[in-house]
Amino acid sequence: MYRQGLESLPTYDVSEKDWKIKLNANESNLNLPPLVEERVIARLGRVAFNRYPDTETDDLKDLIARNFRLNEENVLVANGSSEILEKLFFAFGGPKRSIVFPMPSFSMYNIYAKLSESEAKVVPLEADYTLDVKKFIQAVQECDAKLAVVCTPNNPTGTIIPLADIEYIAKNIDCPLAVDEAYVEFYGISAASLIEKYPNLIVARTFSKAYGMAAARVGYMLAGKDIIHMIGKACMPYHVNVLSLAAAAIVYQMRDEFVPRIQMYVAERKRMFEALKKIKGITVYPSETNFILIHYENAVALNEYLESLKIGVRSFGNAPGLENCLRITIGTREENDQWLSAVKAFVERS
């Protein structure tokens, strides 16, 4: 009855428990800044519910384009960067068409490849979760890939691909290169500066992480106008709702209001990194995101202990390349102190 292969796809688990501290989804643990929230609510009060959201889309595209010194024709707005990535897989992939991406990385890449009936070519990251750029380029060339995808800063490892390496890849492959920058605000260095130089470069970004708009589902893509035009064909008309668009426009106009909290998350990430390094038996990996990845031989039991305290983190179990790893979102200072104390207590008694 159903399309062949659908039954074998994993389900992306979005169910949640009654967490006291929720650190498992890389969300912002703070809602919108009060002034931003006030203006968003006021703007939503003026929404024309009876009209399709074409004007709001243009408003947001104009704001984004001006910020990057691009034209509106270089911007596509979508339901989070997830929809953008999905459409890229559908537009460039398909039967007997290869798409190359590293692993471990965003788990949905494999699912998008299967849904689009593309041939996924995975390039394993090195032991320290860095990408060997020459191996990546070789993989792209050997399978005549139609799309290459990298995530930087990478989820779930937190590691980055230096901008010079992104440029090196773009220069040495013939297919489009999509750069997933969901966490770039915590890093500060974007590949968007290379778009005018490399017509095969695509940048996908989101409002869900640094701007705390995960509930609204808004993202955008930056690319050459021909790519924007073709990917737009894969999207439904009016595919982003007017409420999300109106709210995102206010948030983007007021993005400076988010700088202090982004700085807070970065400072807390650095503090937690140093604290975790001092705990015997735990390996903590460098991160340029709003989360930290740790390795601990008894990670499954540690996760169960944290769950018993109603502290939710992301456990990877025996996932390839992530065996016995936990990903912990950086929360508020108070939340971080609590989960750190819990981790210390468990390790010390084990």
C-alpha atoms as a PDB file:
ATOM      1  CA  MET A   1       0.000   0.000   0.000  1.00  0.00           C
ATOM      2  CA  TYR A   2       2.714   2.471   0.994  1.00  0.00           C
ATOM      3  CA  ARG A   3       5.656   3.644  -1.078  1.00  0.00           C
ATOM      4  CA  GLN A   4       8.494   1.122  -1.124  1.00  0.00           C
ATOM      5  CA  GLY A   5      11.148   1.816   1.523  1.00  0.00           C
ATOM      6  CA  LEU A   6       8.932   3.984   3.714  1.00  0.00           C
ATOM      7  CA  GLU A   7       8.549   1.310   6.382  1.00  0.00           C
ATOM      8  CA  SER A   8      12.332   1.103   6.845  1.00  0.00           C
ATOM      9  CA  LEU A   9      12.768   4.797   7.588  1.00  0.00           C
ATOM     10  CA  PRO A  10      13.522   5.673  11.215  1.00  0.00           C
ATOM     11  CA  THR A  11      11.062   7.909  13.025  1.00  0.00           C
ATOM     12  CA  TYR A  12      12.442  11.235  14.217  1.00  0.00           C
ATOM     13  CA  ASP A  13      11.415  11.079  17.859  1.00  0.00           C
ATOM     14  CA  VAL A  14       9.864  14.368  18.995  1.00  0.00           C
ATOM     15  CA  SER A  15       8.111  13.011  22.088  1.00  0.00           C
ATOM     16  CA  GLU A  16       9.080  14.669  25.346  1.00  0.00           C
ATOM     17  CA  LYS A  17       8.959  13.944  29.047  1.00  0.00           C
ATOM     18  CA  ASP A  18       8.196  16.279  31.906  1.00  0.00           C
ATOM     19  CA  TRP A  19      11.747  17.598  32.190  1.00  0.00           C
ATOM     20  CA  LYS A  20      12.868  19.827  35.033  1.00  0.00           C
ATOM     21  CA  ILE A  21      15.825  20.868  32.882  1.00  0.00           C
ATOM     22  CA  LYS A  22      15.469  20.315  29.121  1.00  0.00           C
ATOM     23  CA  LEU A  23      18.815  20.122  27.336  1.00  0.00           C
ATOM     24  CA  ASN A  24      18.195  17.565  24.596  1.00  0.00           C
ATOM     25  CA  ALA A  25      17.125  19.556  21.523  1.00  0.00           C
ATOM     26  CA  ASN A  26      19.621  22.453  21.255  1.00  0.00           C
ATOM     27  CA  GLU A  27      16.829  24.975  21.747  1.00  0.00           C
ATOM     28  CA  SER A  28      17.299  28.284  23.464  1.00  0.00           C
ATOM     29  CA  ASN A  29      16.299  27.896  27.104  1.00  0.00           C
ATOM     30  CA  LEU A  30      15.195  31.527  27.111  1.00  0.00           C
ATOM     31  CA  ASN A  31      12.133  32.876  25.346  1.00  0.00           C
ATOM     32  CA  LEU A  32      12.244  36.060  23.280  1.00  0.00           C
ATOM     33  CA  PRO A  33      13.746  39.136  24.968  1.00  0.00           C
ATOM     34  CA  PRO A  34      10.902  41.157  26.557  1.00  0.00           C
ATOM     35  CA  LEU A  35      11.138  44.103  24.146  1.00  0.00           C
ATOM     36  CA  VAL A  36      11.198  41.769  21.140  1.00  0.00           C
ATOM     37  CA  GLU A  37       8.268  39.767  22.489  1.00  0.00           C
ATOM     38  CA  GLU A  38       6.267  42.961  23.018  1.00  0.00           C
ATOM     39  CA  ARG A  39       6.801  44.061  19.422  1.00  0.00           C
ATOM     40  CA  VAL A  40       6.105  40.602  18.013  1.00  0.00           C
ATOM     41  CA  ILE A  41       2.781  40.459  19.848  1.00  0.00           C
ATOM     42  CA  ALA A  42       1.895  43.937  18.616  1.00  0.00           C
ATOM     43  CA  ARG A  43       2.768  42.951  15.045  1.00  0.00           C
ATOM     44  CA  LEU A  44       0.694  39.766  15.219  1.00  0.00           C
ATOM     45  CA  GLY A  45      -2.262  41.888  16.239  1.00  0.00           C
ATOM     46  CA  ARG A  46      -2.130  43.522  12.805  1.00  0.00           C
ATOM     47  CA  VAL A  47      -1.943  40.326  10.748  1.00  0.00           C
ATOM     48  CA  ALA A  48      -4.452  40.044   7.911  1.00  0.00           C
ATOM     49  CA  PHE A  49      -5.575  36.465   8.488  1.00  0.00           C
ATOM     50  CA  ASN A  50      -7.691  36.545   5.330  1.00  0.00           C
ATOM     51  CA  ARG A  51      -4.715  37.162   3.022  1.00  0.00           C
ATOM     52  CA  TYR A  52      -1.977  34.870   1.772  1.00  0.00           C
ATOM     53  CA  PRO A  53       1.457  35.692   3.201  1.00  0.00           C
ATOM     54  CA  ASP A  54       3.178  37.070   0.084  1.00  0.00           C
ATOM     55  CA  THR A  55       3.926  40.558   1.450  1.00  0.00           C
ATOM     56  CA  GLU A  56       5.387  39.220   4.696  1.00  0.00           C
ATOM     57  CA  THR A  57       7.673  36.888   2.739  1.00  0.00           C
ATOM     58  CA  ASP A  58       8.991  39.821   0.697  1.00  0.00           C
ATOM     59  CA  ASP A  59       9.532  41.905   3.846  1.00  0.00           C
ATOM     60  CA  LEU A  60      11.647  39.217   5.502  1.00  0.00           C
ATOM     61  CA  LYS A  61      13.598  38.470   2.310  1.00  0.00           C
ATOM     62  CA  ASP A  62      14.390  42.167   1.939  1.00  0.00           C
ATOM     63  CA  LEU A  63      15.702  42.400   5.501  1.00  0.00           C
ATOM     64  CA  ILE A  64      17.906  39.337   5.069  1.00  0.00           C
ATOM     65  CA  ALA A  65      19.177  40.373   1.636  1.00  0.00           C
ATOM     66  CA  ARG A  66      20.173  43.848   2.826  1.00  0.00           C
ATOM     67  CA  ASN A  67      22.037  42.392   5.808  1.00  0.00           C
ATOM     68  CA  PHE A  68      24.154  40.160   3.549  1.00  0.00           C
ATOM     69  CA  ARG A  69      24.483  42.777   0.789  1.00  0.00           C
ATOM     70  CA  LEU A  70      22.644  40.488  -1.594  1.00  0.00           C
ATOM     71  CA  ASN A  71      19.466  40.861  -3.635  1.00  0.00           C
ATOM     72  CA  GLU A  72      16.065  39.441  -2.734  1.00  0.00           C
ATOM     73  CA  GLU A  73      16.503  36.971  -5.589  1.00  0.00           C
ATOM     74  CA  ASN A  74      19.367  35.444  -3.567  1.00  0.00           C
ATOM     75  CA  VAL A  75      17.095  34.583  -0.612  1.00  0.00           C
ATOM     76  CA  LEU A  76      14.565  31.799  -0.081  1.00  0.00           C
ATOM     77  CA  VAL A  77      12.535  31.691   3.155  1.00  0.00           C
ATOM     78  CA  ALA A  78      11.253  28.331   4.379  1.00  0.00           C
ATOM     79  CA  ASN A  79       9.952  26.324   7.359  1.00  0.00           C
ATOM     80  CA  GLY A  80      13.253  26.141   9.192  1.00  0.00           C
ATOM     81  CA  SER A  81      16.525  25.165   7.558  1.00  0.00           C
ATOM     82  CA  SER A  82      15.214  21.582   7.690  1.00  0.00           C
ATOM     83  CA  GLU A  83      12.759  22.279   4.866  1.00  0.00           C
ATOM     84  CA  ILE A  84      15.520  23.931   2.856  1.00  0.00           C
ATOM     85  CA  LEU A  85      17.773  20.903   3.208  1.00  0.00           C
ATOM     86  CA  GLU A  86      14.940  18.544   2.339  1.00  0.00           C
ATOM     87  CA  LYS A  87      14.175  20.512  -0.838  1.00  0.00           C
ATOM     88  CA  LEU A  88      17.856  20.515  -1.806  1.00  0.00           C
ATOM     89  CA  PHE A  89      17.924  16.711  -1.579  1.00  0.00           C
ATOM     90  CA  PHE A  90      14.787  16.476  -3.714  1.00  0.00           C
ATOM     91  CA  ALA A  91      15.934  19.027  -6.284  1.00  0.00           C
ATOM     92  CA  PHE A  92      19.472  17.745  -6.800  1.00  0.00           C
ATOM     93  CA  GLY A  93      19.017  14.117  -5.799  1.00  0.00           C
ATOM     94  CA  GLY A  94      16.873  11.290  -7.069  1.00  0.00           C
ATOM     95  CA  PRO A  95      17.360   7.747  -8.363  1.00  0.00           C
ATOM     96  CA  LYS A  96      20.977   7.001  -9.354  1.00  0.00           C
ATOM     97  CA  ARG A  97      22.055  10.487  -8.237  1.00  0.00           C
ATOM     98  CA  SER A  98      24.598  10.686  -5.406  1.00  0.00           C
ATOM     99  CA  ILE A  99      24.670  13.146  -2.507  1.00  0.00           C
ATOM    100  CA  VAL A 100      27.782  13.321  -0.318  1.00  0.00           C
ATOM    101  CA  PHE A 101      27.857  14.368   3.332  1.00  0.00           C
ATOM    102  CA  PRO A 102      29.997  13.643   6.419  1.00  0.00           C
ATOM    103  CA  MET A 103      28.983  11.511   9.370  1.00  0.00           C
ATOM    104  CA  PRO A 104      28.377  11.828  12.232  1.00  0.00           C
ATOM    105  CA  SER A 105      26.357  14.911  11.395  1.00  0.00           C
ATOM    106  CA  PHE A 106      22.700  15.952  11.267  1.00  0.00           C
ATOM    107  CA  SER A 107      20.765  12.681  11.319  1.00  0.00           C
ATOM    108  CA  MET A 108      18.135  13.917   8.854  1.00  0.00           C
ATOM    109  CA  TYR A 109      20.591  13.925   5.922  1.00  0.00           C
ATOM    110  CA  ASN A 110      20.302  10.154   5.633  1.00  0.00           C
ATOM    111  CA  ILE A 111      16.517  10.340   5.864  1.00  0.00           C
ATOM    112  CA  TYR A 112      16.301  13.053   3.197  1.00  0.00           C
ATOM    113  CA  ALA A 113      18.481  10.911   0.943  1.00  0.00           C
ATOM    114  CA  LYS A 114      16.152   7.915   1.359  1.00  0.00           C
ATOM    115  CA  LEU A 115      12.988   9.980   0.880  1.00  0.00           C
ATOM    116  CA  SER A 116      14.361  11.480  -2.319  1.00  0.00           C
ATOM    117  CA  GLU A 117      15.619   8.046  -3.454  1.00  0.00           C
ATOM    118  CA  SER A 118      19.126   9.475  -3.710  1.00  0.00           C
ATOM    119  CA  GLU A 119      22.317   7.497  -3.188  1.00  0.00           C
ATOM    120  CA  ALA A 120      23.894   8.664   0.065  1.00  0.00           C
ATOM    121  CA  LYS A 121      27.692   8.689   0.055  1.00  0.00           C
ATOM    122  CA  VAL A 122      28.943   9.147   3.600  1.00  0.00           C
ATOM    123  CA  VAL A 123      32.424  10.452   4.422  1.00  0.00           C
ATOM    124  CA  PRO A 124      33.353   9.504   8.004  1.00  0.00           C
ATOM    125  CA  LEU A 125      34.763  12.285  10.153  1.00  0.00           C
ATOM    126  CA  GLU A 126      38.194  11.767  11.673  1.00  0.00           C
ATOM    127  CA  ALA A 127      38.590  10.482  15.249  1.00  0.00           C
ATOM    128  CA  ASP A 128      38.568  14.064  16.559  1.00  0.00           C
ATOM    129  CA  TYR A 129      35.443  14.829  14.491  1.00  0.00           C
ATOM    130  CA  THR A 130      37.257  17.037  11.994  1.00  0.00           C
ATOM    131  CA  LEU A 131      36.643  16.675   8.256  1.00  0.00           C
ATOM    132  CA  ASP A 132      39.431  15.575   5.928  1.00  0.00           C
ATOM    133  CA  VAL A 133      38.658  17.963   3.089  1.00  0.00           C
ATOM    134  CA  LYS A 134      40.642  16.063   0.477  1.00  0.00           C
ATOM    135  CA  LYS A 135      38.814  12.820   1.282  1.00  0.00           C
ATOM    136  CA  PHE A 136      35.526  14.699   1.003  1.00  0.00           C
ATOM    137  CA  ILE A 137      36.399  16.175  -2.388  1.00  0.00           C
ATOM    138  CA  GLN A 138      37.607  12.786  -3.611  1.00  0.00           C
ATOM    139  CA  ALA A 139      34.299  11.186  -2.581  1.00  0.00           C
ATOM    140  CA  VAL A 140      32.360  13.888  -4.449  1.00  0.00           C
ATOM    141  CA  GLN A 141      34.416  13.407  -7.583  1.00  0.00           C
ATOM    142  CA  GLU A 142      34.451   9.601  -7.545  1.00  0.00           C
ATOM    143  CA  CYS A 143      30.670   9.239  -7.411  1.00  0.00           C
ATOM    144  CA  ASP A 144      29.965  12.233  -9.671  1.00  0.00           C
ATOM    145  CA  ALA A 145      27.838  13.697  -6.861  1.00  0.00           C
ATOM    146  CA  LYS A 146      24.991  16.030  -7.691  1.00  0.00           C
ATOM    147  CA  LEU A 147      25.079  17.691  -4.247  1.00  0.00           C
ATOM    148  CA  ALA A 148      27.547  17.940  -1.361  1.00  0.00           C
ATOM    149  CA  VAL A 149      26.423  18.923   2.132  1.00  0.00           C
ATOM    150  CA  VAL A 150      28.431  19.972   5.175  1.00  0.00           C
ATOM    151  CA  CYS A 151      27.277  21.202   8.566  1.00  0.00           C
ATOM    152  CA  THR A 152      29.438  23.789  10.309  1.00  0.00           C
ATOM    153  CA  PRO A 153      29.409  24.167  13.240  1.00  0.00           C
ATOM    154  CA  ASN A 154      28.488  20.512  13.110  1.00  0.00           C
ATOM    155  CA  ASN A 155      25.598  18.876  14.926  1.00  0.00           C
ATOM    156  CA  PRO A 156      26.105  16.803  17.092  1.00  0.00           C
ATOM    157  CA  THR A 157      29.875  17.167  17.426  1.00  0.00           C
ATOM    158  CA  GLY A 158      30.153  20.962  17.805  1.00  0.00           C
ATOM    159  CA  THR A 159      33.235  21.055  15.574  1.00  0.00           C
ATOM    160  CA  ILE A 160      33.739  23.476  12.677  1.00  0.00           C
ATOM    161  CA  ILE A 161      35.073  23.380   9.146  1.00  0.00           C
ATOM    162  CA  PRO A 162      37.355  26.408   8.679  1.00  0.00           C
ATOM    163  CA  LEU A 163      36.146  28.936   6.097  1.00  0.00           C
ATOM    164  CA  ALA A 164      39.276  28.338   4.015  1.00  0.00           C
ATOM    165  CA  ASP A 165      38.344  24.645   3.797  1.00  0.00           C
ATOM    166  CA  ILE A 166      34.781  25.504   2.741  1.00  0.00           C
ATOM    167  CA  GLU A 167      36.207  27.648  -0.030  1.00  0.00           C
ATOM    168  CA  TYR A 168      38.640  24.894  -1.021  1.00  0.00           C
ATOM    169  CA  ILE A 169      35.761  22.416  -1.363  1.00  0.00           C
ATOM    170  CA  ALA A 170      33.619  24.878  -3.361  1.00  0.00           C
ATOM    171  CA  LYS A 171      36.553  25.559  -5.689  1.00  0.00           C
ATOM    172  CA  ASN A 172      37.331  21.892  -6.318  1.00  0.00           C
ATOM    173  CA  ILE A 173      33.929  20.306  -6.903  1.00  0.00           C
ATOM    174  CA  ASP A 174      31.516  20.760  -9.799  1.00  0.00           C
ATOM    175  CA  CYS A 175      28.255  20.142  -7.956  1.00  0.00           C
ATOM    176  CA  PRO A 176      26.465  22.509  -5.547  1.00  0.00           C
ATOM    177  CA  LEU A 177      27.857  22.695  -2.009  1.00  0.00           C
ATOM    178  CA  ALA A 178      25.270  23.284   0.730  1.00  0.00           C
ATOM    179  CA  VAL A 179      26.591  24.636   4.016  1.00  0.00           C
ATOM    180  CA  ASP A 180      24.244  24.005   6.943  1.00  0.00           C
ATOM    181  CA  GLU A 181      24.827  26.922   9.332  1.00  0.00           C
ATOM    182  CA  ALA A 182      22.114  26.279  11.925  1.00  0.00           C
ATOM    183  CA  TYR A 183      24.529  27.172  14.756  1.00  0.00           C
ATOM    184  CA  VAL A 184      26.666  29.812  13.065  1.00  0.00           C
ATOM    185  CA  GLU A 185      25.622  32.666  15.375  1.00  0.00           C
ATOM    186  CA  PHE A 186      27.498  30.956  18.208  1.00  0.00           C
ATOM    187  CA  TYR A 187      30.611  30.767  16.008  1.00  0.00           C
ATOM    188  CA  GLY A 188      30.540  34.031  14.097  1.00  0.00           C
ATOM    189  CA  ILE A 189      32.129  32.995  10.793  1.00  0.00           C
ATOM    190  CA  SER A 190      29.788  32.345   7.861  1.00  0.00           C
ATOM    191  CA  ALA A 191      30.304  31.021   4.354  1.00  0.00           C
ATOM    192  CA  ALA A 192      27.783  33.588   3.120  1.00  0.00           C
ATOM    193  CA  SER A 193      30.700  35.863   2.259  1.00  0.00           C
ATOM    194  CA  LEU A 194      31.682  33.391  -0.486  1.00  0.00           C
ATOM    195  CA  ILE A 195      28.340  33.217  -2.309  1.00  0.00           C
ATOM    196  CA  GLU A 196      29.089  35.854  -4.931  1.00  0.00           C
ATOM    197  CA  LYS A 197      32.455  34.227  -5.646  1.00  0.00           C
ATOM    198  CA  TYR A 198      31.185  30.636  -5.957  1.00  0.00           C
ATOM    199  CA  PRO A 199      27.890  30.165  -7.851  1.00  0.00           C
ATOM    200  CA  ASN A 200      27.670  26.560  -6.609  1.00  0.00           C
ATOM    201  CA  LEU A 201      27.606  27.588  -2.926  1.00  0.00           C
ATOM    202  CA  ILE A 202      24.414  27.434  -0.845  1.00  0.00           C
ATOM    203  CA  VAL A 203      24.036  28.562   2.779  1.00  0.00           C
ATOM    204  CA  ALA A 204      21.128  27.345   4.957  1.00  0.00           C
ATOM    205  CA  ARG A 205      20.338  29.131   8.232  1.00  0.00           C
ATOM    206  CA  THR A 206      17.604  29.068  10.869  1.00  0.00           C
ATOM    207  CA  PHE A 207      15.822  31.220  13.446  1.00  0.00           C
ATOM    208  CA  SER A 208      15.365  28.194  15.727  1.00  0.00           C
ATOM    209  CA  LYS A 209      18.631  28.239  17.695  1.00  0.00           C
ATOM    210  CA  ALA A 210      20.226  31.614  18.440  1.00  0.00           C
ATOM    211  CA  TYR A 211      16.962  33.515  17.980  1.00  0.00           C
ATOM    212  CA  GLY A 212      14.840  31.174  20.088  1.00  0.00           C
ATOM    213  CA  MET A 213      12.119  30.698  17.453  1.00  0.00           C
ATOM    214  CA  ALA A 214      12.057  26.898  17.279  1.00  0.00           C
ATOM    215  CA  ALA A 215       8.258  26.909  17.682  1.00  0.00           C
ATOM    216  CA  ALA A 216       7.749  29.201  14.673  1.00  0.00           C
ATOM    217  CA  ARG A 217       9.772  27.103  12.176  1.00  0.00           C
ATOM    218  CA  VAL A 218      11.530  29.735  10.062  1.00  0.00           C
ATOM    219  CA  GLY A 219      14.740  29.398   8.101  1.00  0.00           C
ATOM    220  CA  TYR A 220      16.302  30.822   4.977  1.00  0.00           C
ATOM    221  CA  MET A 221      18.663  29.938   2.159  1.00  0.00           C
ATOM    222  CA  LEU A 222      21.255  32.169   0.510  1.00  0.00           C
ATOM    223  CA  ALA A 223      22.445  31.251  -2.985  1.00  0.00           C
ATOM    224  CA  GLY A 224      22.682  32.393  -6.592  1.00  0.00           C
ATOM    225  CA  LYS A 225      19.407  33.451  -8.178  1.00  0.00           C
ATOM    226  CA  ASP A 226      19.247  30.402 -10.477  1.00  0.00           C
ATOM    227  CA  ILE A 227      19.498  27.996  -7.532  1.00  0.00           C
ATOM    228  CA  ILE A 228      16.943  30.003  -5.543  1.00  0.00           C
ATOM    229  CA  HIS A 229      14.561  29.902  -8.515  1.00  0.00           C
ATOM    230  CA  MET A 230      14.843  26.153  -8.989  1.00  0.00           C
ATOM    231  CA  ILE A 231      14.601  25.231  -5.297  1.00  0.00           C
ATOM    232  CA  GLY A 232      11.586  27.525  -5.057  1.00  0.00           C
ATOM    233  CA  LYS A 233       9.866  25.267  -7.602  1.00  0.00           C
ATOM    234  CA  ALA A 234      10.129  22.382  -5.104  1.00  0.00           C
ATOM    235  CA  CYS A 235       8.263  24.386  -2.439  1.00  0.00           C
ATOM    236  CA  MET A 236       4.511  24.665  -2.140  1.00  0.00           C
ATOM    237  CA  PRO A 237       2.965  28.107  -2.709  1.00  0.00           C
ATOM    238  CA  TYR A 238       2.731  30.113   0.523  1.00  0.00           C
ATOM    239  CA  HIS A 239       4.562  27.352   2.382  1.00  0.00           C
ATOM    240  CA  VAL A 240       5.495  29.568   5.369  1.00  0.00           C
ATOM    241  CA  ASN A 241       2.599  30.858   7.438  1.00  0.00           C
ATOM    242  CA  VAL A 242       2.006  34.557   7.989  1.00  0.00           C
ATOM    243  CA  LEU A 243       2.364  34.384  11.792  1.00  0.00           C
ATOM    244  CA  SER A 244       5.862  32.948  11.573  1.00  0.00           C
ATOM    245  CA  LEU A 245       6.899  35.380   8.845  1.00  0.00           C
ATOM    246  CA  ALA A 246       5.638  38.436  10.711  1.00  0.00           C
ATOM    247  CA  ALA A 247       7.325  37.345  13.944  1.00  0.00           C
ATOM    248  CA  ALA A 248      10.585  36.507  12.165  1.00  0.00           C
ATOM    249  CA  ALA A 249      10.714  39.922  10.515  1.00  0.00           C
ATOM    250  CA  ILE A 250      10.490  41.642  13.902  1.00  0.00           C
ATOM    251  CA  VAL A 251      13.113  39.321  15.382  1.00  0.00           C
ATOM    252  CA  TYR A 252      15.470  39.913  12.475  1.00  0.00           C
ATOM    253  CA  GLN A 253      15.042  43.677  12.729  1.00  0.00           C
ATOM    254  CA  MET A 254      15.836  43.436  16.447  1.00  0.00           C
ATOM    255  CA  ARG A 255      18.556  40.781  16.278  1.00  0.00           C
ATOM    256  CA  ASP A 256      20.963  42.996  18.217  1.00  0.00           C
ATOM    257  CA  GLU A 257      18.746  42.328  21.238  1.00  0.00           C
ATOM    258  CA  PHE A 258      19.902  38.704  21.095  1.00  0.00           C
ATOM    259  CA  VAL A 259      23.636  39.462  21.168  1.00  0.00           C
ATOM    260  CA  PRO A 260      23.954  39.502  24.998  1.00  0.00           C
ATOM    261  CA  ARG A 261      22.279  36.114  25.371  1.00  0.00           C
ATOM    262  CA  ILE A 262      24.343  34.605  22.540  1.00  0.00           C
ATOM    263  CA  GLN A 263      27.432  35.864  24.371  1.00  0.00           C
ATOM    264  CA  MET A 264      26.076  34.335  27.581  1.00  0.00           C
ATOM    265  CA  TYR A 265      25.616  30.928  25.926  1.00  0.00           C
ATOM    266  CA  VAL A 266      29.133  31.081  24.498  1.00  0.00           C
ATOM    267  CA  ALA A 267      30.597  32.031  27.889  1.00  0.00           C
ATOM    268  CA  GLU A 268      28.652  29.229  29.595  1.00  0.00           C
ATOM    269  CA  ARG A 269      29.739  26.744  26.953  1.00  0.00           C
ATOM    270  CA  LYS A 270      33.373  27.658  27.603  1.00  0.00           C
ATOM    271  CA  ARG A 271      32.843  27.400  31.370  1.00  0.00           C
ATOM    272  CA  MET A 272      31.239  23.963  31.052  1.00  0.00           C
ATOM    273  CA  PHE A 273      33.984  22.805  28.685  1.00  0.00           C
ATOM    274  CA  GLU A 274      36.684  23.646  31.233  1.00  0.00           C
ATOM    275  CA  ALA A 275      34.693  22.087  34.088  1.00  0.00           C
ATOM    276  CA  LEU A 276      34.038  18.847  32.201  1.00  0.00           C
ATOM    277  CA  LYS A 277      37.711  18.501  31.256  1.00  0.00           C
ATOM    278  CA  LYS A 278      38.499  18.148  34.967  1.00  0.00           C
ATOM    279  CA  ILE A 279      36.189  15.150  35.452  1.00  0.00           C
ATOM    280  CA  LYS A 280      38.122  11.894  35.210  1.00  0.00           C
ATOM    281  CA  GLY A 281      36.834   9.535  32.539  1.00  0.00           C
ATOM    282  CA  ILE A 282      35.013  12.161  30.513  1.00  0.00           C
ATOM    283  CA  THR A 283      36.241  13.340  27.125  1.00  0.00           C
ATOM    284  CA  VAL A 284      34.756  16.678  26.070  1.00  0.00           C
ATOM    285  CA  TYR A 285      35.066  17.844  22.485  1.00  0.00           C
ATOM    286  CA  PRO A 286      35.699  21.452  21.407  1.00  0.00           C
ATOM    287  CA  SER A 287      32.468  23.178  20.399  1.00  0.00           C
ATOM    288  CA  GLU A 288      31.450  26.366  18.618  1.00  0.00           C
ATOM    289  CA  THR A 289      27.720  25.874  19.203  1.00  0.00           C
ATOM    290  CA  ASN A 290      25.161  26.094  22.017  1.00  0.00           C
ATOM    291  CA  PHE A 291      25.884  22.502  23.080  1.00  0.00           C
ATOM    292  CA  ILE A 292      28.721  20.232  24.156  1.00  0.00           C
ATOM    293  CA  LEU A 293      29.421  16.630  23.164  1.00  0.00           C
ATOM    294  CA  ILE A 294      31.017  14.347  25.737  1.00  0.00           C
ATOM    295  CA  HIS A 295      32.224  10.746  25.662  1.00  0.00           C
ATOM    296  CA  TYR A 296      31.952   8.553  28.748  1.00  0.00           C
ATOM    297  CA  GLU A 297      32.244   4.768  28.829  1.00  0.00           C
ATOM    298  CA  ASN A 298      29.135   4.444  30.981  1.00  0.00           C
ATOM    299  CA  ALA A 299      27.169   7.090  29.083  1.00  0.00           C
ATOM    300  CA  VAL A 300      23.951   5.062  28.906  1.00  0.00           C
ATOM    301  CA  ALA A 301      23.804   4.703  32.700  1.00  0.00           C
ATOM    302  CA  LEU A 302      24.735   8.369  33.137  1.00  0.00           C
ATOM    303  CA  ASN A 303      21.875   9.340  30.858  1.00  0.00           C
ATOM    304  CA  GLU A 304      19.468   7.162  32.860  1.00  0.00           C
ATOM    305  CA  TYR A 305      20.655   8.827  36.056  1.00  0.00           C
ATOM    306  CA  LEU A 306      20.091  12.283  34.586  1.00  0.00           C
ATOM    307  CA  GLU A 307      16.650  11.212  33.422  1.00  0.00           C
ATOM    308  CA  SER A 308      15.833  10.104  36.977  1.00  0.00           C
ATOM    309  CA  LEU A 309      16.570  13.694  38.018  1.00  0.00           C
ATOM    310  CA  LYS A 310      14.358  14.962  35.186  1.00  0.00           C
ATOM    311  CA  ILE A 311      17.351  16.334  33.315  1.00  0.00           C
ATOM    312  CA  GLY A 312      16.983  15.635  29.596  1.00  0.00           C
ATOM    313  CA  VAL A 313      20.103  15.345  27.416  1.00  0.00           C
ATOM    314  CA  ARG A 314      20.654  13.607  24.081  1.00  0.00           C
ATOM    315  CA  SER A 315      22.059  10.098  24.329  1.00  0.00           C
ATOM    316  CA  PHE A 316      23.433   8.435  21.172  1.00  0.00           C
ATOM    317  CA  GLY A 317      23.833   4.918  22.560  1.00  0.00           C
ATOM    318  CA  ASN A 318      25.637   2.828  19.948  1.00  0.00           C
ATOM    319  CA  ALA A 319      25.146   5.173  16.987  1.00  0.00           C
ATOM    320  CA  PRO A 320      28.105   4.845  14.573  1.00  0.00           C
ATOM    321  CA  GLY A 321      30.841   7.296  15.456  1.00  0.00           C
ATOM    322  CA  LEU A 322      28.959   8.418  18.560  1.00  0.00           C
ATOM    323  CA  GLU A 323      29.184   5.362  20.786  1.00  0.00           C
ATOM    324  CA  ASN A 324      28.791   6.282  24.475  1.00  0.00           C
ATOM    325  CA  CYS A 325      28.355   9.968  23.691  1.00  0.00           C
ATOM    326  CA  LEU A 326      25.968  12.494  25.214  1.00  0.00           C
ATOM    327  CA  ARG A 327      25.098  15.863  23.706  1.00  0.00           C
ATOM    328  CA  ILE A 328      24.194  18.494  26.292  1.00  0.00           C
ATOM    329  CA  THR A 329      22.589  21.788  25.330  1.00  0.00           C
ATOM    330  CA  ILE A 330      23.909  24.808  27.185  1.00  0.00           C
ATOM    331  CA  GLY A 331      21.184  26.237  29.403  1.00  0.00           C
ATOM    332  CA  THR A 332      21.119  29.071  31.896  1.00  0.00           C
ATOM    333  CA  ARG A 333      23.922  29.327  34.449  1.00  0.00           C
ATOM    334  CA  GLU A 334      21.701  27.810  37.147  1.00  0.00           C
ATOM    335  CA  GLU A 335      20.671  24.903  34.904  1.00  0.00           C
ATOM    336  CA  ASN A 336      24.283  24.287  33.912  1.00  0.00           C
ATOM    337  CA  ASP A 337      25.405  24.194  37.523  1.00  0.00           C
ATOM    338  CA  GLN A 338      22.717  21.608  38.296  1.00  0.00           C
ATOM    339  CA  TRP A 339      23.490  19.211  35.448  1.00  0.00           C
ATOM    340  CA  LEU A 340      27.226  19.564  35.998  1.00  0.00           C
ATOM    341  CA  SER A 341      26.816  18.677  39.680  1.00  0.00           C
ATOM    342  CA  ALA A 342      24.731  15.649  38.697  1.00  0.00           C
ATOM    343  CA  VAL A 343      27.360  14.460  36.213  1.00  0.00           C
ATOM    344  CA  LYS A 344      30.128  14.874  38.809  1.00  0.00           C
ATOM    345  CA  ALA A 345      28.123  12.997  41.432  1.00  0.00           C
ATOM    346  CA  PHE A 346      27.478  10.056  39.110  1.00  0.00           C
ATOM    347  CA  VAL A 347      31.068   9.761  37.889  1.00  0.00           C
ATOM    348  CA  GLU A 348      32.551  10.033  41.384  1.00  0.00           C
ATOM    349  CA  ARG A 349      30.430   7.209  42.752  1.00  0.00           C
ATOM    350  CA  SER A 350      30.896   4.935  39.720  1.00  0.00           C
END
